[in-house]
Amino acid sequence: MKVYNNLEEIKYDLKRLHLERQIAWEEMKGLKNEVKEDLSPYNWLGTILSAVKKYGILYLVRKLFR
């Protein structure tokens, strides 16, 4: 627990804590947008297509060597 000697120290800490809270809030908004982008159907489509390509090529190679 911090002991304050004057009103200026209290005001300084309150201002600092307010700014830290604003920074944390903005970071949370940024994370929300990142999650929204990661869960968009367009991103899932790219992942699915890359998996299909990979396993499709493996399937063709197996058929050629049998």
Protein backbone atom coordinates (compact mmCIF):
# COMPACT_ATOMS: atom_id res chain seq x y z
CA MET A 1 0.00 0.00 0.00
CA LYS A 2 1.40 3.33 -1.03
CA VAL A 3 1.44 6.27 1.34
CA TYR A 4 0.87 9.64 -0.31
CA ASN A 5 2.48 12.78 1.03
CA ASN A 6 0.48 15.32 -0.92
CA LEU A 7 -2.41 15.76 -3.31
CA GLU A 8 -0.11 16.04 -6.34
CA GLU A 9 1.08 12.45 -5.91
CA ILE A 10 -2.51 11.25 -5.80
CA LYS A 11 -3.42 13.19 -8.93
CA TYR A 12 -0.34 11.87 -10.74
CA ASP A 13 -1.16 8.24 -9.90
CA LEU A 14 -4.82 8.68 -10.87
CA LYS A 15 -3.82 10.15 -14.21
CA ARG A 16 -1.30 7.36 -14.84
CA LEU A 17 -3.83 4.67 -13.97
CA HIS A 18 -6.43 6.30 -16.21
CA LEU A 19 -3.99 6.28 -19.12
CA GLU A 20 -3.06 2.64 -18.45
CA ARG A 21 -6.76 1.76 -18.49
CA GLN A 22 -7.25 3.57 -21.82
CA ILE A 23 -4.27 1.72 -23.34
CA ALA A 24 -5.60 -1.64 -22.14
CA TRP A 25 -9.04 -0.84 -23.59
CA GLU A 26 -7.56 0.02 -27.00
CA GLU A 27 -5.51 -3.20 -26.96
CA MET A 28 -8.70 -5.17 -26.27
CA LYS A 29 -10.43 -3.49 -29.22
CA GLY A 30 -7.49 -4.45 -31.44
CA LEU A 31 -7.65 -8.06 -30.27
CA LYS A 32 -11.37 -8.14 -30.99
CA ASN A 33 -10.73 -7.09 -34.58
CA GLU A 34 -7.96 -9.69 -34.97
CA VAL A 35 -10.23 -12.47 -33.74
CA LYS A 36 -13.01 -11.30 -36.04
CA GLU A 37 -10.63 -11.40 -39.02
CA ASP A 38 -9.26 -14.82 -38.05
CA LEU A 39 -12.74 -16.31 -37.86
CA SER A 40 -13.94 -14.86 -41.15
CA PRO A 41 -15.02 -17.41 -43.81
CA TYR A 42 -12.41 -16.12 -46.26
CA ASN A 43 -9.55 -17.19 -43.97
CA TRP A 44 -11.12 -20.62 -43.41
CA LEU A 45 -11.49 -21.08 -47.16
CA GLY A 46 -7.77 -20.53 -47.70
CA THR A 47 -6.89 -23.07 -45.02
CA ILE A 48 -9.26 -25.65 -46.47
CA LEU A 49 -7.95 -25.15 -50.00
CA SER A 50 -4.34 -25.58 -48.93
CA ALA A 51 -5.21 -28.82 -47.12
CA VAL A 52 -7.11 -30.12 -50.17
CA LYS A 53 -4.14 -29.31 -52.41
CA LYS A 54 -1.72 -31.08 -50.09
CA TYR A 55 -3.75 -34.26 -49.76
CA GLY A 56 -4.77 -34.21 -53.42
CA ILE A 57 -1.13 -34.19 -54.51
CA LEU A 58 -0.32 -37.01 -52.07
CA TYR A 59 -3.25 -39.03 -53.45
CA LEU A 60 -2.05 -38.55 -57.04
CA VAL A 61 1.52 -39.55 -56.16
CA ARG A 62 0.28 -42.73 -54.48
CA LYS A 63 -1.83 -43.61 -57.53
CA LEU A 64 1.12 -43.09 -59.87
CA PHE A 65 3.44 -45.38 -57.92
CA ARG A 66 0.96 -48.26 -57.53
